[in-house]
Amino acid sequence: MSDIKIGRMTLGVCATNCYFLYRENASDVIFVDPGDRGADIYTALQNKGLRVAAILLTHGHFDHIWGAEKLRELSGAKIYALDAEKVVCQDAYVNVSAQAGRKATIAPDEWLTDGQELLLAGISLKVIATPGHTIGSCCYYVPEADFLIAGDTLFAGSVGRTDFPTGSMSKLIRSIKDKLFVLPEQTKVYPGHGEETTIEEEKQYNPFCQ
């Protein structure tokens, strides 16, 4: 049985799920999607004896990046995002932060590619490009623990919205069916909003993917 643990903070105006992954009895964590209040995230983890070793972005929308710059500044950790997401990360209107009243852009330290395998904080992850919610949305699959950090690609009983810049419903559904539904059915899915689900549950009952 894997000793990889996952924690969740739900932050910001959109109740964004921000996840941190770590091995039991280890201090280094991978933080995914710092949705807001980067300083508070840093302090909360420090109080648990945890250190941010890497920051992963599933996509560049404002509610997933607002806390990223401050968390990078305080922790010294690198930020990673899919290479196709550059325009979203770098344009406050494309990432909707300007419309939300608090402009923000982010410059990741490393750009990732589809299928790339990462080893961070002693944890192996696979990058899965899932365009549709945004042009460069991606998910992170952890084979050892059989779970998926899905961002805003796949939700319990729903999918990410596609009416923001670079979104495409046809691409989103294709990404889910071709890239996510091929994972083991027991794979646990941790979405960017709402409660967790499984690949099996969504294949059978998600009305957007039938």
C-alpha atoms as a PDB file:
ATOM      1  CA  MET A   1       0.000   0.000   0.000  1.00  0.00           C
ATOM      2  CA  SER A   2       1.342   3.425  -0.952  1.00  0.00           C
ATOM      3  CA  ASP A   3       2.435   5.841   1.768  1.00  0.00           C
ATOM      4  CA  ILE A   4       1.620   8.854  -0.414  1.00  0.00           C
ATOM      5  CA  LYS A   5      -0.819  11.186   1.328  1.00  0.00           C
ATOM      6  CA  ILE A   6      -2.947  13.987  -0.089  1.00  0.00           C
ATOM      7  CA  GLY A   7      -4.280  17.027   1.738  1.00  0.00           C
ATOM      8  CA  ARG A   8      -6.731  19.666   0.578  1.00  0.00           C
ATOM      9  CA  MET A   9      -7.304  23.347   1.240  1.00  0.00           C
ATOM     10  CA  THR A  10     -10.375  24.970  -0.304  1.00  0.00           C
ATOM     11  CA  LEU A  11      -9.617  28.630  -0.919  1.00  0.00           C
ATOM     12  CA  GLY A  12     -10.747  31.802  -2.666  1.00  0.00           C
ATOM     13  CA  VAL A  13     -13.908  33.236  -4.147  1.00  0.00           C
ATOM     14  CA  CYS A  14     -14.456  30.150  -6.316  1.00  0.00           C
ATOM     15  CA  ALA A  15     -13.869  27.611  -3.525  1.00  0.00           C
ATOM     16  CA  THR A  16     -10.910  26.166  -5.393  1.00  0.00           C
ATOM     17  CA  ASN A  17      -9.503  22.864  -4.195  1.00  0.00           C
ATOM     18  CA  CYS A  18      -5.772  23.228  -3.593  1.00  0.00           C
ATOM     19  CA  TYR A  19      -3.957  19.956  -2.959  1.00  0.00           C
ATOM     20  CA  PHE A  20      -0.665  19.006  -1.347  1.00  0.00           C
ATOM     21  CA  LEU A  21       0.995  15.624  -1.833  1.00  0.00           C
ATOM     22  CA  TYR A  22       3.628  14.110   0.395  1.00  0.00           C
ATOM     23  CA  ARG A  23       4.980  10.825   1.676  1.00  0.00           C
ATOM     24  CA  GLU A  24       4.053   9.795   5.182  1.00  0.00           C
ATOM     25  CA  ASN A  25       6.691  10.901   7.671  1.00  0.00           C
ATOM     26  CA  ALA A  26       8.331  13.147   5.042  1.00  0.00           C
ATOM     27  CA  SER A  27       8.441  16.933   5.167  1.00  0.00           C
ATOM     28  CA  ASP A  28       8.546  17.858   1.458  1.00  0.00           C
ATOM     29  CA  VAL A  29       5.246  18.455  -0.340  1.00  0.00           C
ATOM     30  CA  ILE A  30       4.100  19.097  -3.881  1.00  0.00           C
ATOM     31  CA  PHE A  31       1.495  21.852  -3.857  1.00  0.00           C
ATOM     32  CA  VAL A  32      -1.044  21.911  -6.698  1.00  0.00           C
ATOM     33  CA  ASP A  33      -2.959  25.054  -7.719  1.00  0.00           C
ATOM     34  CA  PRO A  34      -2.375  27.700  -5.012  1.00  0.00           C
ATOM     35  CA  GLY A  35      -5.789  29.289  -5.484  1.00  0.00           C
ATOM     36  CA  ASP A  36      -5.315  32.275  -3.191  1.00  0.00           C
ATOM     37  CA  ARG A  37      -3.515  33.558  -0.096  1.00  0.00           C
ATOM     38  CA  GLY A  38      -0.081  32.145  -0.805  1.00  0.00           C
ATOM     39  CA  ALA A  39       1.281  33.450   2.494  1.00  0.00           C
ATOM     40  CA  ASP A  40      -1.456  31.687   4.448  1.00  0.00           C
ATOM     41  CA  ILE A  41      -0.774  28.447   2.553  1.00  0.00           C
ATOM     42  CA  TYR A  42       2.914  28.709   3.391  1.00  0.00           C
ATOM     43  CA  THR A  43       2.242  29.365   7.081  1.00  0.00           C
ATOM     44  CA  ALA A  44      -0.333  26.574   7.368  1.00  0.00           C
ATOM     45  CA  LEU A  45       2.077  24.044   5.889  1.00  0.00           C
ATOM     46  CA  GLN A  46       4.945  25.278   8.042  1.00  0.00           C
ATOM     47  CA  ASN A  47       2.777  24.793  11.117  1.00  0.00           C
ATOM     48  CA  LYS A  48       2.352  21.158  10.052  1.00  0.00           C
ATOM     49  CA  GLY A  49       6.102  20.778   9.656  1.00  0.00           C
ATOM     50  CA  LEU A  50       5.817  20.660   5.862  1.00  0.00           C
ATOM     51  CA  ARG A  51       7.987  22.362   3.233  1.00  0.00           C
ATOM     52  CA  VAL A  52       6.879  23.218  -0.307  1.00  0.00           C
ATOM     53  CA  ALA A  53       9.276  21.519  -2.724  1.00  0.00           C
ATOM     54  CA  ALA A  54       7.355  22.167  -5.957  1.00  0.00           C
ATOM     55  CA  ILE A  55       4.263  24.023  -7.179  1.00  0.00           C
ATOM     56  CA  LEU A  56       2.209  22.481  -9.992  1.00  0.00           C
ATOM     57  CA  LEU A  57      -0.492  24.252 -11.979  1.00  0.00           C
ATOM     58  CA  THR A  58      -3.282  22.368 -13.728  1.00  0.00           C
ATOM     59  CA  HIS A  59      -4.073  25.537 -15.694  1.00  0.00           C
ATOM     60  CA  GLY A  60      -3.665  29.287 -15.512  1.00  0.00           C
ATOM     61  CA  HIS A  61      -7.082  30.621 -14.501  1.00  0.00           C
ATOM     62  CA  PHE A  62      -7.060  33.291 -11.799  1.00  0.00           C
ATOM     63  CA  ASP A  63      -8.633  31.113  -9.116  1.00  0.00           C
ATOM     64  CA  HIS A  64      -5.834  28.573  -9.470  1.00  0.00           C
ATOM     65  CA  ILE A  65      -2.857  30.984  -9.595  1.00  0.00           C
ATOM     66  CA  TRP A  66      -3.645  33.933  -7.327  1.00  0.00           C
ATOM     67  CA  GLY A  67      -1.538  32.499  -4.500  1.00  0.00           C
ATOM     68  CA  ALA A  68       1.237  31.066  -6.651  1.00  0.00           C
ATOM     69  CA  GLU A  69       3.655  34.005  -6.798  1.00  0.00           C
ATOM     70  CA  LYS A  70       3.660  34.586  -3.055  1.00  0.00           C
ATOM     71  CA  LEU A  71       4.016  30.872  -2.328  1.00  0.00           C
ATOM     72  CA  ARG A  72       6.994  30.690  -4.707  1.00  0.00           C
ATOM     73  CA  GLU A  73       8.557  33.762  -3.110  1.00  0.00           C
ATOM     74  CA  LEU A  74       8.266  32.384   0.422  1.00  0.00           C
ATOM     75  CA  SER A  75       9.131  28.759  -0.296  1.00  0.00           C
ATOM     76  CA  GLY A  76      11.700  29.090  -3.062  1.00  0.00           C
ATOM     77  CA  ALA A  77       9.916  26.272  -4.910  1.00  0.00           C
ATOM     78  CA  LYS A  78       9.697  26.149  -8.704  1.00  0.00           C
ATOM     79  CA  ILE A  79       6.365  26.504 -10.502  1.00  0.00           C
ATOM     80  CA  TYR A  80       5.496  24.002 -13.256  1.00  0.00           C
ATOM     81  CA  ALA A  81       2.766  24.217 -15.932  1.00  0.00           C
ATOM     82  CA  LEU A  82       2.036  22.667 -19.328  1.00  0.00           C
ATOM     83  CA  ASP A  83       3.818  24.393 -22.209  1.00  0.00           C
ATOM     84  CA  ALA A  84       0.551  24.920 -24.125  1.00  0.00           C
ATOM     85  CA  GLU A  85      -0.742  27.116 -21.278  1.00  0.00           C
ATOM     86  CA  LYS A  86       1.692  30.003 -21.828  1.00  0.00           C
ATOM     87  CA  VAL A  87      -0.874  32.417 -23.261  1.00  0.00           C
ATOM     88  CA  VAL A  88      -3.244  31.802 -20.348  1.00  0.00           C
ATOM     89  CA  CYS A  89      -0.565  32.208 -17.697  1.00  0.00           C
ATOM     90  CA  GLN A  90       0.849  35.358 -19.243  1.00  0.00           C
ATOM     91  CA  ASP A  91      -2.299  37.334 -20.123  1.00  0.00           C
ATOM     92  CA  ALA A  92      -4.565  38.700 -17.379  1.00  0.00           C
ATOM     93  CA  TYR A  93      -7.532  38.899 -19.742  1.00  0.00           C
ATOM     94  CA  VAL A  94      -7.134  35.373 -21.069  1.00  0.00           C
ATOM     95  CA  ASN A  95      -6.831  33.953 -17.543  1.00  0.00           C
ATOM     96  CA  VAL A  96      -9.858  36.056 -16.477  1.00  0.00           C
ATOM     97  CA  SER A  97      -8.089  37.687 -13.527  1.00  0.00           C
ATOM     98  CA  ALA A  98      -8.653  41.133 -15.060  1.00  0.00           C
ATOM     99  CA  GLN A  99     -12.380  40.492 -15.295  1.00  0.00           C
ATOM    100  CA  ALA A 100     -12.359  39.175 -11.714  1.00  0.00           C
ATOM    101  CA  GLY A 101     -10.962  42.492 -10.473  1.00  0.00           C
ATOM    102  CA  ARG A 102      -7.460  41.428  -9.494  1.00  0.00           C
ATOM    103  CA  LYS A 103      -5.066  41.165 -12.419  1.00  0.00           C
ATOM    104  CA  ALA A 104      -2.484  38.428 -12.183  1.00  0.00           C
ATOM    105  CA  THR A 105      -0.045  36.654 -14.463  1.00  0.00           C
ATOM    106  CA  ILE A 106       2.421  33.916 -13.667  1.00  0.00           C
ATOM    107  CA  ALA A 107       5.720  32.883 -15.235  1.00  0.00           C
ATOM    108  CA  PRO A 108       6.361  29.212 -14.462  1.00  0.00           C
ATOM    109  CA  ASP A 109       9.969  28.178 -13.959  1.00  0.00           C
ATOM    110  CA  GLU A 110       9.546  25.025 -16.037  1.00  0.00           C
ATOM    111  CA  TRP A 111       7.185  24.191 -18.886  1.00  0.00           C
ATOM    112  CA  LEU A 112       5.969  20.605 -19.072  1.00  0.00           C
ATOM    113  CA  THR A 113       5.008  18.390 -22.001  1.00  0.00           C
ATOM    114  CA  ASP A 114       2.268  15.804 -22.441  1.00  0.00           C
ATOM    115  CA  GLY A 115       3.324  12.416 -21.096  1.00  0.00           C
ATOM    116  CA  GLN A 116       6.297  13.808 -19.198  1.00  0.00           C
ATOM    117  CA  GLU A 117       7.158  11.977 -15.995  1.00  0.00           C
ATOM    118  CA  LEU A 118       8.162  14.010 -12.973  1.00  0.00           C
ATOM    119  CA  LEU A 119       9.913  12.988  -9.780  1.00  0.00           C
ATOM    120  CA  LEU A 120       9.284  15.628  -7.124  1.00  0.00           C
ATOM    121  CA  ALA A 121       9.428  15.306  -3.331  1.00  0.00           C
ATOM    122  CA  GLY A 122      10.062  11.603  -3.829  1.00  0.00           C
ATOM    123  CA  ILE A 123       6.795  11.157  -5.740  1.00  0.00           C
ATOM    124  CA  SER A 124       6.457  10.140  -9.395  1.00  0.00           C
ATOM    125  CA  LEU A 125       3.759  11.890 -11.412  1.00  0.00           C
ATOM    126  CA  LYS A 126       2.725  11.704 -15.049  1.00  0.00           C
ATOM    127  CA  VAL A 127       1.639  14.847 -16.903  1.00  0.00           C
ATOM    128  CA  ILE A 128      -1.540  14.350 -18.957  1.00  0.00           C
ATOM    129  CA  ALA A 129      -2.471  17.165 -21.345  1.00  0.00           C
ATOM    130  CA  THR A 130      -6.247  17.661 -21.312  1.00  0.00           C
ATOM    131  CA  PRO A 131      -7.056  20.712 -23.457  1.00  0.00           C
ATOM    132  CA  GLY A 132     -10.608  21.988 -23.385  1.00  0.00           C
ATOM    133  CA  HIS A 133     -11.207  23.970 -20.208  1.00  0.00           C
ATOM    134  CA  THR A 134      -8.214  25.990 -21.380  1.00  0.00           C
ATOM    135  CA  ILE A 135      -5.830  25.359 -24.253  1.00  0.00           C
ATOM    136  CA  GLY A 136      -3.138  24.043 -21.923  1.00  0.00           C
ATOM    137  CA  SER A 137      -5.091  22.407 -19.116  1.00  0.00           C
ATOM    138  CA  CYS A 138      -3.479  19.289 -17.721  1.00  0.00           C
ATOM    139  CA  CYS A 139      -3.939  16.636 -15.055  1.00  0.00           C
ATOM    140  CA  TYR A 140      -1.366  14.911 -12.872  1.00  0.00           C
ATOM    141  CA  TYR A 141      -1.588  11.151 -12.402  1.00  0.00           C
ATOM    142  CA  VAL A 142       0.171   9.395  -9.532  1.00  0.00           C
ATOM    143  CA  PRO A 143       0.406   5.716 -10.562  1.00  0.00           C
ATOM    144  CA  GLU A 144       1.749   4.437  -7.247  1.00  0.00           C
ATOM    145  CA  ALA A 145      -1.265   5.737  -5.316  1.00  0.00           C
ATOM    146  CA  ASP A 146      -3.662   5.495  -8.287  1.00  0.00           C
ATOM    147  CA  PHE A 147      -5.116   8.972  -8.082  1.00  0.00           C
ATOM    148  CA  LEU A 148      -5.527  11.885 -10.458  1.00  0.00           C
ATOM    149  CA  ILE A 149      -5.361  15.613  -9.759  1.00  0.00           C
ATOM    150  CA  ALA A 150      -7.858  16.718 -12.401  1.00  0.00           C
ATOM    151  CA  GLY A 151      -7.976  20.508 -12.117  1.00  0.00           C
ATOM    152  CA  ASP A 152     -11.062  21.845 -13.896  1.00  0.00           C
ATOM    153  CA  THR A 153     -11.132  19.133 -16.564  1.00  0.00           C
ATOM    154  CA  LEU A 154     -13.335  16.567 -14.808  1.00  0.00           C
ATOM    155  CA  PHE A 155     -15.684  17.002 -11.855  1.00  0.00           C
ATOM    156  CA  ALA A 156     -18.005  14.668  -9.997  1.00  0.00           C
ATOM    157  CA  GLY A 157     -20.965  14.519 -12.360  1.00  0.00           C
ATOM    158  CA  SER A 158     -19.774  17.438 -14.453  1.00  0.00           C
ATOM    159  CA  VAL A 159     -16.933  18.928 -16.495  1.00  0.00           C
ATOM    160  CA  GLY A 160     -15.097  22.231 -16.632  1.00  0.00           C
ATOM    161  CA  ARG A 161     -16.757  25.227 -18.270  1.00  0.00           C
ATOM    162  CA  THR A 162     -15.529  26.148 -21.737  1.00  0.00           C
ATOM    163  CA  ASP A 163     -16.900  29.663 -22.246  1.00  0.00           C
ATOM    164  CA  PHE A 164     -13.700  31.408 -21.154  1.00  0.00           C
ATOM    165  CA  PRO A 165     -10.895  32.302 -23.615  1.00  0.00           C
ATOM    166  CA  THR A 166      -9.229  29.269 -25.291  1.00  0.00           C
ATOM    167  CA  GLY A 167     -11.961  26.895 -24.046  1.00  0.00           C
ATOM    168  CA  SER A 168     -13.536  24.224 -26.270  1.00  0.00           C
ATOM    169  CA  MET A 169     -16.228  21.757 -25.215  1.00  0.00           C
ATOM    170  CA  SER A 170     -15.449  19.331 -28.040  1.00  0.00           C
ATOM    171  CA  LYS A 171     -11.761  19.246 -27.066  1.00  0.00           C
ATOM    172  CA  LEU A 172     -12.642  18.883 -23.391  1.00  0.00           C
ATOM    173  CA  ILE A 173     -14.862  15.844 -23.916  1.00  0.00           C
ATOM    174  CA  ARG A 174     -12.270  14.302 -26.242  1.00  0.00           C
ATOM    175  CA  SER A 175      -9.586  14.848 -23.592  1.00  0.00           C
ATOM    176  CA  ILE A 176     -11.669  13.167 -20.924  1.00  0.00           C
ATOM    177  CA  LYS A 177     -12.608  10.168 -23.037  1.00  0.00           C
ATOM    178  CA  ASP A 178      -9.245   9.659 -24.721  1.00  0.00           C
ATOM    179  CA  LYS A 179      -6.848  10.609 -21.913  1.00  0.00           C
ATOM    180  CA  LEU A 180      -8.642  10.079 -18.586  1.00  0.00           C
ATOM    181  CA  PHE A 181     -11.173   7.319 -19.157  1.00  0.00           C
ATOM    182  CA  VAL A 182      -8.329   4.992 -20.176  1.00  0.00           C
ATOM    183  CA  LEU A 183      -6.943   5.109 -16.632  1.00  0.00           C
ATOM    184  CA  PRO A 184      -7.804   2.266 -14.231  1.00  0.00           C
ATOM    185  CA  GLU A 185     -11.452   2.477 -13.234  1.00  0.00           C
ATOM    186  CA  GLN A 186     -10.623   2.543  -9.525  1.00  0.00           C
ATOM    187  CA  THR A 187      -8.488   5.667  -9.989  1.00  0.00           C
ATOM    188  CA  LYS A 188      -9.582   8.308  -7.512  1.00  0.00           C
ATOM    189  CA  VAL A 189     -10.177  11.738  -9.049  1.00  0.00           C
ATOM    190  CA  TYR A 190      -9.460  14.918  -7.089  1.00  0.00           C
ATOM    191  CA  PRO A 191     -11.068  17.836  -8.975  1.00  0.00           C
ATOM    192  CA  GLY A 192     -10.439  21.572  -8.818  1.00  0.00           C
ATOM    193  CA  HIS A 193     -13.885  22.181  -7.345  1.00  0.00           C
ATOM    194  CA  GLY A 194     -16.309  19.965  -5.464  1.00  0.00           C
ATOM    195  CA  GLU A 195     -15.892  16.497  -4.058  1.00  0.00           C
ATOM    196  CA  GLU A 196     -13.716  13.600  -5.162  1.00  0.00           C
ATOM    197  CA  THR A 197     -14.945  10.851  -7.467  1.00  0.00           C
ATOM    198  CA  THR A 198     -13.546   7.911  -9.466  1.00  0.00           C
ATOM    199  CA  ILE A 199     -12.927   7.207 -13.134  1.00  0.00           C
ATOM    200  CA  GLU A 200     -15.448   4.355 -12.957  1.00  0.00           C
ATOM    201  CA  GLU A 201     -18.144   6.612 -11.520  1.00  0.00           C
ATOM    202  CA  GLU A 202     -17.678   9.267 -14.189  1.00  0.00           C
ATOM    203  CA  LYS A 203     -17.532   6.776 -17.081  1.00  0.00           C
ATOM    204  CA  GLN A 204     -20.855   5.336 -15.971  1.00  0.00           C
ATOM    205  CA  TYR A 205     -22.800   8.367 -14.793  1.00  0.00           C
ATOM    206  CA  ASN A 206     -21.297  11.680 -15.942  1.00  0.00           C
ATOM    207  CA  PRO A 207     -23.996  13.092 -18.261  1.00  0.00           C
ATOM    208  CA  PHE A 208     -21.494  15.149 -20.273  1.00  0.00           C
ATOM    209  CA  CYS A 209     -19.444  12.105 -21.251  1.00  0.00           C
ATOM    210  CA  GLN A 210     -22.046   9.581 -22.419  1.00  0.00           C
END
